[in-house]
C-alpha atoms as a PDB file:
ATOM      1  CA  UNK A   1      64.710 122.920   8.335  1.00  0.00           C
ATOM      2  CA  UNK A   2      64.835 119.787   6.211  1.00  0.00           C
ATOM      3  CA  UNK A   3      62.785 118.029   3.571  1.00  0.00           C
ATOM      4  CA  UNK A   4      59.886 115.616   3.689  1.00  0.00           C
ATOM      5  CA  UNK A   5      61.017 112.694   1.543  1.00  0.00           C
ATOM      6  CA  UNK A   6      59.140 109.667   0.235  1.00  0.00           C
ATOM      7  CA  UNK A   7      60.828 106.445  -0.923  1.00  0.00           C
ATOM      8  CA  UNK A   8      58.523 104.382  -3.131  1.00  0.00           C
ATOM      9  CA  UNK A   9      59.473 100.726  -3.440  1.00  0.00           C
ATOM     10  CA  UNK A  10      61.231 100.749  -0.087  1.00  0.00           C
ATOM     11  CA  UNK A  11      61.341  96.954   0.294  1.00  0.00           C
ATOM     12  CA  UNK A  12      63.202  96.324  -2.988  1.00  0.00           C
ATOM     13  CA  UNK A  13      66.978  96.258  -3.503  1.00  0.00           C
ATOM     14  CA  UNK A  14      67.132  99.813  -4.864  1.00  0.00           C
ATOM     15  CA  UNK A  15      64.584 101.252  -2.432  1.00  0.00           C
ATOM     16  CA  UNK A  16      66.463  99.893   0.571  1.00  0.00           C
ATOM     17  CA  UNK A  17      69.687 101.286  -0.859  1.00  0.00           C
ATOM     18  CA  UNK A  18      68.036 104.695  -1.297  1.00  0.00           C
ATOM     19  CA  UNK A  19      67.166 104.730   2.403  1.00  0.00           C
ATOM     20  CA  UNK A  20      70.697 103.635   3.336  1.00  0.00           C
ATOM     21  CA  UNK A  21      72.305 106.344   1.219  1.00  0.00           C
ATOM     22  CA  UNK A  22      69.960 109.093   2.428  1.00  0.00           C
ATOM     23  CA  UNK A  23      71.103 108.214   5.950  1.00  0.00           C
ATOM     24  CA  UNK A  24      74.804 107.763   5.076  1.00  0.00           C
ATOM     25  CA  UNK A  25      74.998 111.118   3.319  1.00  0.00           C
ATOM     26  CA  UNK A  26      73.032 112.816   6.112  1.00  0.00           C
ATOM     27  CA  UNK A  27      70.461 114.153   3.694  1.00  0.00           C
ATOM     28  CA  UNK A  28      68.541 116.932   5.500  1.00  0.00           C
ATOM     29  CA  UNK A  29      65.188 115.283   6.251  1.00  0.00           C
ATOM     30  CA  UNK A  30      62.445 116.235   8.639  1.00  0.00           C
ATOM     31  CA  UNK A  31      60.412 113.156   7.808  1.00  0.00           C
ATOM     32  CA  UNK A  32      60.788 110.023   5.669  1.00  0.00           C
ATOM     33  CA  UNK A  33      57.954 107.826   4.422  1.00  0.00           C
ATOM     34  CA  UNK A  34      58.719 104.312   3.174  1.00  0.00           C
ATOM     35  CA  UNK A  35      56.093 103.135   0.694  1.00  0.00           C
ATOM     36  CA  UNK A  36      55.481  99.709  -0.800  1.00  0.00           C
ATOM     37  CA  UNK A  37      52.704  97.715  -2.388  1.00  0.00           C
ATOM     38  CA  UNK A  38      49.843  96.490  -0.225  1.00  0.00           C
ATOM     39  CA  UNK A  39      51.304  92.982  -0.005  1.00  0.00           C
ATOM     40  CA  UNK A  40      54.374  94.415   1.755  1.00  0.00           C
ATOM     41  CA  UNK A  41      52.375  96.660   4.079  1.00  0.00           C
ATOM     42  CA  UNK A  42      53.988  96.923   7.519  1.00  0.00           C
ATOM     43  CA  UNK A  43      57.326  95.437   6.458  1.00  0.00           C
ATOM     44  CA  UNK A  44      60.115  97.075   8.439  1.00  0.00           C
ATOM     45  CA  UNK A  45      63.020  98.782   6.674  1.00  0.00           C
ATOM     46  CA  UNK A  46      66.065 100.571   8.047  1.00  0.00           C
ATOM     47  CA  UNK A  47      66.797 104.271   7.810  1.00  0.00           C
ATOM     48  CA  UNK A  48      70.049 104.949   9.640  1.00  0.00           C
ATOM     49  CA  UNK A  49      69.478 103.944  13.243  1.00  0.00           C
ATOM     50  CA  UNK A  50      65.709 104.101  12.809  1.00  0.00           C
ATOM     51  CA  UNK A  51      63.259 101.458  11.692  1.00  0.00           C
ATOM     52  CA  UNK A  52      60.387 102.474   9.435  1.00  0.00           C
ATOM     53  CA  UNK A  53      57.209 100.542   8.739  1.00  0.00           C
ATOM     54  CA  UNK A  54      56.154 100.604   5.116  1.00  0.00           C
ATOM     55  CA  UNK A  55      52.956 102.381   4.199  1.00  0.00           C
ATOM     56  CA  UNK A  56      50.537 101.568   1.402  1.00  0.00           C
ATOM     57  CA  UNK A  57      51.558 103.314  -1.807  1.00  0.00           C
ATOM     58  CA  UNK A  58      48.031 103.029  -3.164  1.00  0.00           C
ATOM     59  CA  UNK A  59      46.520 105.020  -0.295  1.00  0.00           C
ATOM     60  CA  UNK A  60      49.320 107.525   0.325  1.00  0.00           C
ATOM     61  CA  UNK A  61      48.664 111.267   0.091  1.00  0.00           C
ATOM     62  CA  UNK A  62      51.700 113.023  -1.443  1.00  0.00           C
ATOM     63  CA  UNK A  63      50.415 116.492  -0.554  1.00  0.00           C
ATOM     64  CA  UNK A  64      52.905 118.425   1.573  1.00  0.00           C
ATOM     65  CA  UNK A  65      55.843 116.166   0.709  1.00  0.00           C
ATOM     66  CA  UNK A  66      58.826 117.742  -1.034  1.00  0.00           C
ATOM     67  CA  UNK A  67      60.226 114.908  -3.123  1.00  0.00           C
ATOM     68  CA  UNK A  68      59.651 111.232  -3.837  1.00  0.00           C
ATOM     69  CA  UNK A  69      62.307 108.749  -4.907  1.00  0.00           C
ATOM     70  CA  UNK A  70      60.630 106.096  -7.067  1.00  0.00           C
ATOM     71  CA  UNK A  71      62.003 102.544  -7.443  1.00  0.00           C
ATOM     72  CA  UNK A  72      58.872 100.664  -8.443  1.00  0.00           C
ATOM     73  CA  UNK A  73      59.280  99.942 -12.162  1.00  0.00           C
ATOM     74  CA  UNK A  74      57.676 101.594 -15.171  1.00  0.00           C
ATOM     75  CA  UNK A  75      54.166 100.167 -14.884  1.00  0.00           C
ATOM     76  CA  UNK A  76      53.595 101.332 -11.310  1.00  0.00           C
ATOM     77  CA  UNK A  77      55.415 104.602 -11.968  1.00  0.00           C
ATOM     78  CA  UNK A  78      53.031 105.350 -14.830  1.00  0.00           C
ATOM     79  CA  UNK A  79      50.170 105.225 -12.327  1.00  0.00           C
ATOM     80  CA  UNK A  80      51.663 106.871  -9.247  1.00  0.00           C
ATOM     81  CA  UNK A  81      54.225 109.415 -10.496  1.00  0.00           C
ATOM     82  CA  UNK A  82      51.612 111.782 -12.008  1.00  0.00           C
ATOM     83  CA  UNK A  83      49.638 111.593  -8.759  1.00  0.00           C
ATOM     84  CA  UNK A  84      52.676 112.608  -6.699  1.00  0.00           C
ATOM     85  CA  UNK A  85      53.720 115.302  -9.190  1.00  0.00           C
ATOM     86  CA  UNK A  86      50.223 116.793  -9.295  1.00  0.00           C
ATOM     87  CA  UNK A  87      50.247 116.971  -5.483  1.00  0.00           C
ATOM     88  CA  UNK A  88      53.390 119.172  -5.658  1.00  0.00           C
ATOM     89  CA  UNK A  89      55.866 116.439  -4.744  1.00  0.00           C
ATOM     90  CA  UNK A  90      58.847 116.308  -7.138  1.00  0.00           C
ATOM     91  CA  UNK A  91      59.346 112.777  -8.438  1.00  0.00           C
ATOM     92  CA  UNK A  92      62.857 111.387  -8.989  1.00  0.00           C
ATOM     93  CA  UNK A  93      62.199 108.231 -10.966  1.00  0.00           C
ATOM     94  CA  UNK A  94      64.544 105.284 -11.357  1.00  0.00           C
ATOM     95  CA  UNK A  95      62.505 103.514 -14.056  1.00  0.00           C
ATOM     96  CA  UNK A  96      62.900 103.991 -17.806  1.00  0.00           C
ATOM     97  CA  UNK A  97      59.413 105.498 -18.205  1.00  0.00           C
ATOM     98  CA  UNK A  98      60.345 109.199 -18.417  1.00  0.00           C
ATOM     99  CA  UNK A  99      63.983 109.070 -19.545  1.00  0.00           C
ATOM    100  CA  UNK A 100      63.242 109.841 -23.163  1.00  0.00           C
ATOM    101  CA  UNK A 101      60.493 112.418 -22.553  1.00  0.00           C
ATOM    102  CA  UNK A 102      61.774 115.798 -23.836  1.00  0.00           C
ATOM    103  CA  UNK A 103      59.919 117.548 -21.002  1.00  0.00           C
ATOM    104  CA  UNK A 104      61.654 115.482 -18.295  1.00  0.00           C
ATOM    105  CA  UNK A 105      65.338 116.113 -17.465  1.00  0.00           C
ATOM    106  CA  UNK A 106      67.588 113.043 -17.386  1.00  0.00           C
ATOM    107  CA  UNK A 107      70.305 113.827 -14.879  1.00  0.00           C
ATOM    108  CA  UNK A 108      73.685 112.610 -13.698  1.00  0.00           C
ATOM    109  CA  UNK A 109      74.730 115.419 -11.325  1.00  0.00           C
ATOM    110  CA  UNK A 110      78.431 115.189 -12.217  1.00  0.00           C
ATOM    111  CA  UNK A 111      77.549 115.695 -15.903  1.00  0.00           C
ATOM    112  CA  UNK A 112      74.517 117.943 -16.422  1.00  0.00           C
ATOM    113  CA  UNK A 113      73.463 119.542 -13.115  1.00  0.00           C
ATOM    114  CA  UNK A 114      71.947 122.595 -14.828  1.00  0.00           C
ATOM    115  CA  UNK A 115      69.265 120.334 -16.325  1.00  0.00           C
ATOM    116  CA  UNK A 116      67.613 120.150 -12.896  1.00  0.00           C
ATOM    117  CA  UNK A 117      65.806 123.424 -13.586  1.00  0.00           C
ATOM    118  CA  UNK A 118      63.755 121.662 -16.265  1.00  0.00           C
ATOM    119  CA  UNK A 119      61.944 119.601 -13.622  1.00  0.00           C
ATOM    120  CA  UNK A 120      59.047 122.058 -13.408  1.00  0.00           C
ATOM    121  CA  UNK A 121      57.472 121.081 -16.747  1.00  0.00           C
ATOM    122  CA  UNK A 122      56.141 117.853 -15.254  1.00  0.00           C
ATOM    123  CA  UNK A 123      57.498 117.934 -11.682  1.00  0.00           C
ATOM    124  CA  UNK A 124      59.462 114.804 -12.606  1.00  0.00           C
ATOM    125  CA  UNK A 125      63.201 114.063 -12.981  1.00  0.00           C
ATOM    126  CA  UNK A 126      64.484 110.834 -14.529  1.00  0.00           C
ATOM    127  CA  UNK A 127      67.386 108.716 -13.297  1.00  0.00           C
ATOM    128  CA  UNK A 128      69.385 107.073 -16.122  1.00  0.00           C
ATOM    129  CA  UNK A 129      69.996 103.413 -16.741  1.00  0.00           C
ATOM    130  CA  UNK A 130      72.647 101.849 -14.496  1.00  0.00           C
ATOM    131  CA  UNK A 131      75.074 101.106 -17.316  1.00  0.00           C
ATOM    132  CA  UNK A 132      74.755 104.625 -18.698  1.00  0.00           C
ATOM    133  CA  UNK A 133      75.210 106.402 -15.371  1.00  0.00           C
ATOM    134  CA  UNK A 134      78.714 105.170 -14.624  1.00  0.00           C
ATOM    135  CA  UNK A 135      79.889 105.550 -18.218  1.00  0.00           C
ATOM    136  CA  UNK A 136      78.860 109.187 -18.633  1.00  0.00           C
ATOM    137  CA  UNK A 137      80.613 110.147 -15.374  1.00  0.00           C
ATOM    138  CA  UNK A 138      83.824 109.096 -17.121  1.00  0.00           C
ATOM    139  CA  UNK A 139      82.963 110.495 -20.559  1.00  0.00           C
ATOM    140  CA  UNK A 140      81.915 114.004 -19.556  1.00  0.00           C
ATOM    141  CA  UNK A 141      85.254 115.428 -18.309  1.00  0.00           C
ATOM    142  CA  UNK A 142      87.102 113.878 -21.244  1.00  0.00           C
ATOM    143  CA  UNK A 143      84.538 115.273 -23.700  1.00  0.00           C
ATOM    144  CA  UNK A 144      85.031 118.762 -22.282  1.00  0.00           C
ATOM    145  CA  UNK A 145      88.743 118.537 -23.048  1.00  0.00           C
ATOM    146  CA  UNK A 146      88.953 116.763 -26.408  1.00  0.00           C
ATOM    147  CA  UNK A 147      85.379 116.318 -27.745  1.00  0.00           C
ATOM    148  CA  UNK A 148      84.275 112.726 -28.174  1.00  0.00           C
ATOM    149  CA  UNK A 149      83.291 111.529 -31.652  1.00  0.00           C
ATOM    150  CA  UNK A 150      82.486 107.875 -31.001  1.00  0.00           C
ATOM    151  CA  UNK A 151      82.228 105.409 -28.137  1.00  0.00           C
ATOM    152  CA  UNK A 152      82.348 101.614 -28.379  1.00  0.00           C
ATOM    153  CA  UNK A 153      81.372 100.001 -25.080  1.00  0.00           C
ATOM    154  CA  UNK A 154      81.038  96.410 -23.926  1.00  0.00           C
ATOM    155  CA  UNK A 155      79.408  95.900 -20.543  1.00  0.00           C
ATOM    156  CA  UNK A 156      79.762  93.176 -17.926  1.00  0.00           C
ATOM    157  CA  UNK A 157      76.615  93.630 -15.863  1.00  0.00           C
ATOM    158  CA  UNK A 158      75.809  91.939 -12.563  1.00  0.00           C
ATOM    159  CA  UNK A 159      72.599  90.047 -11.900  1.00  0.00           C
ATOM    160  CA  UNK A 160      71.421  92.529  -9.258  1.00  0.00           C
ATOM    161  CA  UNK A 161      70.435  94.726 -12.192  1.00  0.00           C
ATOM    162  CA  UNK A 162      67.608  92.238 -12.766  1.00  0.00           C
ATOM    163  CA  UNK A 163      66.444  92.207  -9.146  1.00  0.00           C
ATOM    164  CA  UNK A 164      66.353  89.806  -6.214  1.00  0.00           C
ATOM    165  CA  UNK A 165      64.971  86.851  -8.179  1.00  0.00           C
ATOM    166  CA  UNK A 166      67.967  87.010 -10.502  1.00  0.00           C
ATOM    167  CA  UNK A 167      70.382  87.051  -7.580  1.00  0.00           C
ATOM    168  CA  UNK A 168      68.603  84.010  -6.136  1.00  0.00           C
ATOM    169  CA  UNK A 169      68.807  82.261  -9.516  1.00  0.00           C
ATOM    170  CA  UNK A 170      72.563  82.764  -9.713  1.00  0.00           C
ATOM    171  CA  UNK A 171      73.008  81.541  -6.132  1.00  0.00           C
ATOM    172  CA  UNK A 172      70.805  78.463  -6.563  1.00  0.00           C
ATOM    173  CA  UNK A 173      72.263  77.523  -9.947  1.00  0.00           C
ATOM    174  CA  UNK A 174      75.779  77.813  -8.567  1.00  0.00           C
ATOM    175  CA  UNK A 175      74.950  75.550  -5.607  1.00  0.00           C
ATOM    176  CA  UNK A 176      73.135  73.125  -7.890  1.00  0.00           C
ATOM    177  CA  UNK A 177      76.196  72.682 -10.092  1.00  0.00           C
ATOM    178  CA  UNK A 178      77.891  70.796  -7.240  1.00  0.00           C
ATOM    179  CA  UNK A 179      74.976  68.628  -6.115  1.00  0.00           C
ATOM    180  CA  UNK A 180      73.791  65.982  -8.615  1.00  0.00           C
ATOM    181  CA  UNK A 181      70.036  66.119  -9.114  1.00  0.00           C
ATOM    182  CA  UNK A 182      69.705  69.658  -7.738  1.00  0.00           C
ATOM    183  CA  UNK A 183      70.394  71.549 -10.949  1.00  0.00           C
ATOM    184  CA  UNK A 184      68.268  74.692 -11.342  1.00  0.00           C
ATOM    185  CA  UNK A 185      66.774  75.503 -14.728  1.00  0.00           C
ATOM    186  CA  UNK A 186      66.766  79.156 -15.890  1.00  0.00           C
ATOM    187  CA  UNK A 187      63.629  81.152 -15.142  1.00  0.00           C
ATOM    188  CA  UNK A 188      64.740  84.789 -14.859  1.00  0.00           C
ATOM    189  CA  UNK A 189      67.226  84.483 -17.704  1.00  0.00           C
ATOM    190  CA  UNK A 190      66.843  82.662 -21.037  1.00  0.00           C
ATOM    191  CA  UNK A 191      70.006  80.629 -20.393  1.00  0.00           C
ATOM    192  CA  UNK A 192      72.041  79.448 -17.419  1.00  0.00           C
ATOM    193  CA  UNK A 193      73.783  82.373 -15.709  1.00  0.00           C
ATOM    194  CA  UNK A 194      76.011  80.416 -13.296  1.00  0.00           C
ATOM    195  CA  UNK A 195      79.508  79.970 -14.782  1.00  0.00           C
ATOM    196  CA  UNK A 196      78.267  81.600 -17.978  1.00  0.00           C
ATOM    197  CA  UNK A 197      77.770  84.965 -19.683  1.00  0.00           C
ATOM    198  CA  UNK A 198      74.652  86.024 -21.576  1.00  0.00           C
ATOM    199  CA  UNK A 199      74.886  88.676 -24.347  1.00  0.00           C
ATOM    200  CA  UNK A 200      71.268  89.668 -23.890  1.00  0.00           C
ATOM    201  CA  UNK A 201      69.848  92.315 -21.533  1.00  0.00           C
ATOM    202  CA  UNK A 202      66.238  93.480 -21.969  1.00  0.00           C
ATOM    203  CA  UNK A 203      64.267  92.768 -25.157  1.00  0.00           C
ATOM    204  CA  UNK A 204      65.573  92.549 -28.709  1.00  0.00           C
ATOM    205  CA  UNK A 205      64.742  95.363 -31.125  1.00  0.00           C
ATOM    206  CA  UNK A 206      64.286  95.144 -34.913  1.00  0.00           C
ATOM    207  CA  UNK A 207      67.816  96.520 -35.365  1.00  0.00           C
ATOM    208  CA  UNK A 208      69.315  93.509 -33.591  1.00  0.00           C
ATOM    209  CA  UNK A 209      70.311  95.634 -30.608  1.00  0.00           C
ATOM    210  CA  UNK A 210      68.788  94.919 -27.231  1.00  0.00           C
ATOM    211  CA  UNK A 211      66.864  97.651 -25.471  1.00  0.00           C
ATOM    212  CA  UNK A 212      69.657  97.936 -22.889  1.00  0.00           C
ATOM    213  CA  UNK A 213      72.086  98.758 -25.680  1.00  0.00           C
ATOM    214  CA  UNK A 214      69.647 101.266 -27.168  1.00  0.00           C
ATOM    215  CA  UNK A 215      69.275 102.890 -23.739  1.00  0.00           C
ATOM    216  CA  UNK A 216      73.017 103.472 -23.465  1.00  0.00           C
ATOM    217  CA  UNK A 217      73.088 105.119 -26.880  1.00  0.00           C
ATOM    218  CA  UNK A 218      70.040 107.335 -26.378  1.00  0.00           C
ATOM    219  CA  UNK A 219      70.755 108.355 -22.788  1.00  0.00           C
ATOM    220  CA  UNK A 220      74.408 109.234 -23.448  1.00  0.00           C
ATOM    221  CA  UNK A 221      73.274 111.573 -26.199  1.00  0.00           C
ATOM    222  CA  UNK A 222      70.687 113.229 -23.932  1.00  0.00           C
ATOM    223  CA  UNK A 223      73.027 113.625 -20.962  1.00  0.00           C
ATOM    224  CA  UNK A 224      76.377 114.448 -22.607  1.00  0.00           C
ATOM    225  CA  UNK A 225      76.034 115.452 -26.272  1.00  0.00           C
ATOM    226  CA  UNK A 226      73.621 114.385 -29.052  1.00  0.00           C
ATOM    227  CA  UNK A 227      76.514 114.433 -31.535  1.00  0.00           C
ATOM    228  CA  UNK A 228      78.356 111.540 -29.874  1.00  0.00           C
ATOM    229  CA  UNK A 229      78.069 108.233 -31.714  1.00  0.00           C
ATOM    230  CA  UNK A 230      77.681 105.270 -29.378  1.00  0.00           C
ATOM    231  CA  UNK A 231      77.556 101.544 -30.028  1.00  0.00           C
ATOM    232  CA  UNK A 232      77.104  99.087 -27.161  1.00  0.00           C
ATOM    233  CA  UNK A 233      77.118  95.365 -26.468  1.00  0.00           C
ATOM    234  CA  UNK A 234      75.553  94.587 -23.088  1.00  0.00           C
ATOM    235  CA  UNK A 235      76.345  91.297 -21.379  1.00  0.00           C
ATOM    236  CA  UNK A 236      75.021  89.748 -18.162  1.00  0.00           C
ATOM    237  CA  UNK A 237      77.746  88.052 -16.099  1.00  0.00           C
ATOM    238  CA  UNK A 238      77.641  85.809 -12.991  1.00  0.00           C
ATOM    239  CA  UNK A 239      78.465  88.587 -10.517  1.00  0.00           C
ATOM    240  CA  UNK A 240      76.027  89.558  -7.761  1.00  0.00           C
ATOM    241  CA  UNK A 241      76.675  93.327  -7.549  1.00  0.00           C
ATOM    242  CA  UNK A 242      78.804  95.734  -9.582  1.00  0.00           C
ATOM    243  CA  UNK A 243      78.848  96.559 -13.278  1.00  0.00           C
ATOM    244  CA  UNK A 244      82.034  96.782 -15.349  1.00  0.00           C
ATOM    245  CA  UNK A 245      82.528  98.336 -18.773  1.00  0.00           C
ATOM    246  CA  UNK A 246      85.283  98.243 -21.366  1.00  0.00           C
ATOM    247  CA  UNK A 247      85.110 101.610 -23.120  1.00  0.00           C
ATOM    248  CA  UNK A 248      86.848 102.621 -26.330  1.00  0.00           C
ATOM    249  CA  UNK A 249      86.700 106.349 -27.113  1.00  0.00           C
ATOM    250  CA  UNK A 250      87.538 108.201 -30.315  1.00  0.00           C
ATOM    251  CA  UNK A 251      88.132 111.947 -29.919  1.00  0.00           C
ATOM    252  CA  UNK A 252      88.136 114.897 -32.302  1.00  0.00           C
ATOM    253  CA  UNK A 253      91.497 115.984 -30.853  1.00  0.00           C
ATOM    254  CA  UNK A 254      94.428 113.994 -29.538  1.00  0.00           C
ATOM    255  CA  UNK A 255      94.315 113.264 -25.806  1.00  0.00           C
ATOM    256  CA  UNK A 256      97.369 111.751 -24.197  1.00  0.00           C
ATOM    257  CA  UNK A 257      96.690 108.934 -21.741  1.00  0.00           C
ATOM    258  CA  UNK A 258      98.606 110.722 -18.966  1.00  0.00           C
ATOM    259  CA  UNK A 259      96.528 113.857 -19.383  1.00  0.00           C
ATOM    260  CA  UNK A 260      93.350 111.768 -19.493  1.00  0.00           C
ATOM    261  CA  UNK A 261      94.383 110.051 -16.273  1.00  0.00           C
ATOM    262  CA  UNK A 262      94.898 113.422 -14.579  1.00  0.00           C
ATOM    263  CA  UNK A 263      91.582 114.790 -15.872  1.00  0.00           C
ATOM    264  CA  UNK A 264      89.755 111.760 -14.504  1.00  0.00           C
ATOM    265  CA  UNK A 265      91.575 111.995 -11.158  1.00  0.00           C
ATOM    266  CA  UNK A 266      90.260 115.536 -10.726  1.00  0.00           C
ATOM    267  CA  UNK A 267      86.727 114.782 -11.962  1.00  0.00           C
ATOM    268  CA  UNK A 268      83.852 114.549  -9.450  1.00  0.00           C
ATOM    269  CA  UNK A 269      82.611 111.085  -8.554  1.00  0.00           C
ATOM    270  CA  UNK A 270      85.649 109.251  -9.973  1.00  0.00           C
ATOM    271  CA  UNK A 271      88.502 107.352  -8.364  1.00  0.00           C
ATOM    272  CA  UNK A 272      91.373 106.363 -10.648  1.00  0.00           C
ATOM    273  CA  UNK A 273      93.153 103.125  -9.742  1.00  0.00           C
ATOM    274  CA  UNK A 274      95.485 102.459 -12.645  1.00  0.00           C
ATOM    275  CA  UNK A 275      98.742 100.684 -11.915  1.00  0.00           C
ATOM    276  CA  UNK A 276     100.314  98.528 -14.601  1.00  0.00           C
ATOM    277  CA  UNK A 277     100.918  95.598 -12.309  1.00  0.00           C
ATOM    278  CA  UNK A 278      99.071  92.555 -11.019  1.00  0.00           C
ATOM    279  CA  UNK A 279      95.940  93.758  -9.247  1.00  0.00           C
ATOM    280  CA  UNK A 280      96.498  97.396 -10.190  1.00  0.00           C
ATOM    281  CA  UNK A 281      92.889  97.868 -11.262  1.00  0.00           C
ATOM    282  CA  UNK A 282      89.420  97.676  -9.711  1.00  0.00           C
ATOM    283  CA  UNK A 283      86.977  94.793 -10.169  1.00  0.00           C
ATOM    284  CA  UNK A 284      83.220  94.755  -9.476  1.00  0.00           C
ATOM    285  CA  UNK A 285      83.578  93.012  -6.107  1.00  0.00           C
ATOM    286  CA  UNK A 286      85.759  95.863  -4.839  1.00  0.00           C
ATOM    287  CA  UNK A 287      83.249  98.516  -5.900  1.00  0.00           C
ATOM    288  CA  UNK A 288      80.394  97.160  -3.787  1.00  0.00           C
ATOM    289  CA  UNK A 289      79.184  99.626  -1.164  1.00  0.00           C
ATOM    290  CA  UNK A 290      81.265 102.494  -2.536  1.00  0.00           C
ATOM    291  CA  UNK A 291      79.983 105.790  -3.920  1.00  0.00           C
ATOM    292  CA  UNK A 292      82.696 106.152  -6.559  1.00  0.00           C
ATOM    293  CA  UNK A 293      82.943 105.213 -10.200  1.00  0.00           C
ATOM    294  CA  UNK A 294      86.353 103.549 -10.561  1.00  0.00           C
ATOM    295  CA  UNK A 295      88.506 103.961 -13.665  1.00  0.00           C
ATOM    296  CA  UNK A 296      91.424 101.662 -14.523  1.00  0.00           C
ATOM    297  CA  UNK A 297      93.410 100.425 -17.557  1.00  0.00           C
ATOM    298  CA  UNK A 298      93.700 103.879 -19.192  1.00  0.00           C
ATOM    299  CA  UNK A 299      95.761 103.565 -22.375  1.00  0.00           C
ATOM    300  CA  UNK A 300      96.063 104.859 -25.927  1.00  0.00           C
ATOM    301  CA  UNK A 301      94.319 103.026 -28.725  1.00  0.00           C
ATOM    302  CA  UNK A 302      96.962 103.179 -31.435  1.00  0.00           C
ATOM    303  CA  UNK A 303      94.648 101.689 -34.080  1.00  0.00           C
ATOM    304  CA  UNK A 304      92.859 105.033 -34.544  1.00  0.00           C
ATOM    305  CA  UNK A 305      94.164 108.585 -34.701  1.00  0.00           C
ATOM    306  CA  UNK A 306      92.762 109.903 -31.410  1.00  0.00           C
ATOM    307  CA  UNK A 307      91.799 106.854 -29.404  1.00  0.00           C
ATOM    308  CA  UNK A 308      91.716 105.874 -25.748  1.00  0.00           C
ATOM    309  CA  UNK A 309      90.695 102.719 -23.875  1.00  0.00           C
ATOM    310  CA  UNK A 310      89.587 102.490 -20.262  1.00  0.00           C
ATOM    311  CA  UNK A 311      87.933 100.143 -17.763  1.00  0.00           C
ATOM    312  CA  UNK A 312      85.024 101.492 -15.709  1.00  0.00           C
ATOM    313  CA  UNK A 313      83.516  99.824 -12.611  1.00  0.00           C
ATOM    314  CA  UNK A 314      80.779 100.887 -10.210  1.00  0.00           C
ATOM    315  CA  UNK A 315      78.245  99.509  -7.734  1.00  0.00           C
ATOM    316  CA  UNK A 316      75.130  99.419  -9.928  1.00  0.00           C
ATOM    317  CA  UNK A 317      72.751  99.571  -6.969  1.00  0.00           C
ATOM    318  CA  UNK A 318      74.482 102.776  -5.884  1.00  0.00           C
ATOM    319  CA  UNK A 319      75.744 105.001  -8.717  1.00  0.00           C
ATOM    320  CA  UNK A 320      73.652 103.070 -11.196  1.00  0.00           C
ATOM    321  CA  UNK A 321      70.446 103.638  -9.252  1.00  0.00           C
ATOM    322  CA  UNK A 322      70.038 104.715  -5.618  1.00  0.00           C
ATOM    323  CA  UNK A 323      73.072 106.970  -5.221  1.00  0.00           C
ATOM    324  CA  UNK A 324      72.368 108.908  -8.392  1.00  0.00           C
ATOM    325  CA  UNK A 325      68.750 109.413  -7.279  1.00  0.00           C
ATOM    326  CA  UNK A 326      69.901 110.764  -3.901  1.00  0.00           C
ATOM    327  CA  UNK A 327      72.461 113.008  -5.620  1.00  0.00           C
ATOM    328  CA  UNK A 328      69.637 114.388  -7.768  1.00  0.00           C
ATOM    329  CA  UNK A 329      67.637 115.011  -4.590  1.00  0.00           C
ATOM    330  CA  UNK A 330      70.628 116.868  -3.105  1.00  0.00           C
ATOM    331  CA  UNK A 331      70.966 118.922  -6.285  1.00  0.00           C
ATOM    332  CA  UNK A 332      67.245 119.685  -6.336  1.00  0.00           C
ATOM    333  CA  UNK A 333      67.344 120.816  -2.727  1.00  0.00           C
ATOM    334  CA  UNK A 334      70.464 122.918  -3.187  1.00  0.00           C
ATOM    335  CA  UNK A 335      69.566 124.582  -6.495  1.00  0.00           C
ATOM    336  CA  UNK A 336      65.768 124.748  -6.495  1.00  0.00           C
ATOM    337  CA  UNK A 337      63.874 124.030  -3.274  1.00  0.00           C
ATOM    338  CA  UNK A 338      66.511 125.556  -0.960  1.00  0.00           C
ATOM    339  CA  UNK A 339      65.265 124.682   2.503  1.00  0.00           C
ATOM    340  CA  UNK A 340      67.421 124.992   5.541  1.00  0.00           C
END
């Protein structure tokens, strides 16, 4: 006996990836419903070797469905998630709407699986921000060994994190650079993204941080440890898929780079590729389509007493969004709902 699963936002990048990953990981389903807005009604999407026609989210009855994976943004989630939750369908939400709600668990299954039992307060579980998700997978096993005091992270985030229009903008700007008169002005981003980097993701806050940077700080504290100090600089780069992060960690206790490498090799969800030679590391392009969070460039930071540097790469549409949501669904089924 399997689960009845809903995917909301099934025609978007993340929604399609959720369906792909549910099929790839052979999630135990009896029935899958693909939901989208009315303007996308009837659009066909793939689920393994099956083709599903999207149904109207506005008219859908969530009663009798076990769980719903939401990838529809905060505004729509605010309307539809309480409806699904009230109908007894557990919502796993990819938006930022519920991440900071103390009554809603924010989960990365490799880090804080026990938090899943807190779902019952609102029948909702939150999926973290893409940049946070891959970082905490690396931080958690190291924190358990040597206790992290402070993290300084700089991100190199692909345009797919902004959606399809951003990917189109990068593509069209890149083509336009080579054809006089066909230059494409920025519309998704405030500045040109092709052959450029933009140190600005989400809105600016009064502190001078962007909201993306604030998310990394706040979510890391909620998922790993509220005592960890985090400072982030988040940068959009001209890469289609795959986020990379340069992470500097200061520990309470000394942690040798060789021991750290071994800890990370044994940690769930991580693949260590760390050879001190040309190409002995992973780049965003190589992470695309993979489930793993890749760690490279592990080395001591000799400028502080207990410091370590590492390079972290992951497919942001997978671990940063769809994969983590499916892993939460697996955890929920295994630990709470327990069908089949």
